[in-house]
Amino acid sequence: MADVKCPGQDSRYWKKGDIFDVPCPDCGREVEFFKDDVRRRCPRCGRTIVNPKLDLACAEWCQHAEKCVEGLRGRLKPKKDRS
């Protein structure tokens, strides 16, 4: 059986700009981010940098968000009752 992915996490559906570089605020080295990275560590100085373009969109409401997007545990708002 094929491994089914959420379209937002499946890189086959990504657009130009979904992979980008951000300068480290401490040392200035460019750090590559993928649109779904929550954070990355600068390879030069080791600082942890939070993705400035992170869009949690569906992760705000999807019941599978914590399994789908790594590093979200405890970072999401409580889910609204959709009934």
Protein backbone atom coordinates (compact mmCIF):
# COMPACT_ATOMS: atom_id res chain seq x y z
CA MET A 1 0.00 0.00 0.00
CA ALA A 2 1.25 3.49 -0.84
CA ASP A 3 2.23 5.87 1.94
CA VAL A 4 -0.50 8.53 1.83
CA LYS A 5 0.50 12.01 2.94
CA CYS A 6 -1.45 15.15 3.66
CA PRO A 7 -1.18 17.40 0.55
CA GLY A 8 0.22 20.20 2.73
CA GLN A 9 3.08 17.98 3.85
CA ASP A 10 3.66 16.16 0.55
CA SER A 11 6.53 17.89 -1.28
CA ARG A 12 5.03 16.91 -4.66
CA TYR A 13 2.51 19.72 -4.10
CA TRP A 14 4.96 22.36 -2.90
CA LYS A 15 5.50 25.59 -4.79
CA LYS A 16 8.49 27.81 -5.39
CA GLY A 17 9.39 29.48 -2.11
CA ASP A 18 8.35 26.52 0.06
CA ILE A 19 12.08 25.91 0.64
CA PHE A 20 13.92 29.07 1.67
CA ASP A 21 16.95 30.42 3.55
CA VAL A 22 16.86 32.54 6.71
CA PRO A 23 19.93 34.28 8.11
CA CYS A 24 20.85 33.21 11.64
CA PRO A 25 20.25 36.16 13.99
CA ASP A 26 23.47 35.37 15.89
CA CYS A 27 26.10 34.63 13.24
CA GLY A 28 24.42 35.52 9.92
CA ARG A 29 24.87 32.11 8.26
CA GLU A 30 22.01 31.14 5.95
CA VAL A 31 19.89 28.31 7.39
CA GLU A 32 17.69 26.34 4.98
CA PHE A 33 14.06 25.82 5.97
CA PHE A 34 11.35 23.69 4.44
CA LYS A 35 7.88 25.20 4.80
CA ASP A 36 6.85 22.55 7.32
CA ASP A 37 9.94 22.82 9.57
CA VAL A 38 9.00 24.09 13.02
CA ARG A 39 12.61 24.99 13.86
CA ARG A 40 16.17 24.38 12.64
CA ARG A 41 19.57 24.60 14.28
CA CYS A 42 22.22 26.85 12.76
CA PRO A 43 25.08 24.63 11.59
CA ARG A 44 27.66 27.30 12.45
CA CYS A 45 26.74 28.55 15.93
CA GLY A 46 24.10 26.05 17.04
CA ARG A 47 21.32 28.56 17.73
CA THR A 48 17.80 27.19 17.37
CA ILE A 49 15.80 29.28 14.93
CA VAL A 50 12.01 29.13 14.71
CA ASN A 51 10.62 29.08 11.17
CA PRO A 52 9.45 32.66 10.51
CA LYS A 53 7.14 31.49 7.70
CA LEU A 54 5.58 28.53 9.50
CA ASP A 55 1.94 28.24 8.51
CA LEU A 56 0.11 25.72 10.64
CA ALA A 57 -3.08 26.20 8.60
CA CYS A 58 -4.69 22.76 8.73
CA ALA A 59 -2.73 21.77 11.82
CA GLU A 60 -4.89 24.21 13.80
CA TRP A 61 -7.94 22.01 13.30
CA CYS A 62 -6.82 18.60 11.99
CA GLN A 63 -7.21 15.74 14.47
CA HIS A 64 -4.00 14.14 13.15
CA ALA A 65 -1.83 17.27 13.34
CA GLU A 66 0.45 16.10 16.17
CA LYS A 67 1.26 12.91 14.24
CA CYS A 68 1.61 14.71 10.92
CA VAL A 69 3.84 17.69 11.71
CA GLU A 70 6.85 16.95 13.91
CA GLY A 71 7.45 19.21 16.89
CA LEU A 72 3.90 20.48 17.39
CA ARG A 73 3.09 18.84 20.72
CA GLY A 74 1.99 21.58 23.11
CA ARG A 75 2.26 24.33 20.48
CA LEU A 76 -1.27 24.12 19.08
CA LYS A 77 -4.30 25.98 20.35
CA PRO A 78 -7.04 23.79 21.79
CA LYS A 79 -9.29 22.47 19.03
CA LYS A 80 -12.73 24.08 18.73
CA ASP A 81 -15.78 21.86 18.97
CA ARG A 82 -17.07 21.50 15.41
CA SER A 83 -20.51 20.18 16.36
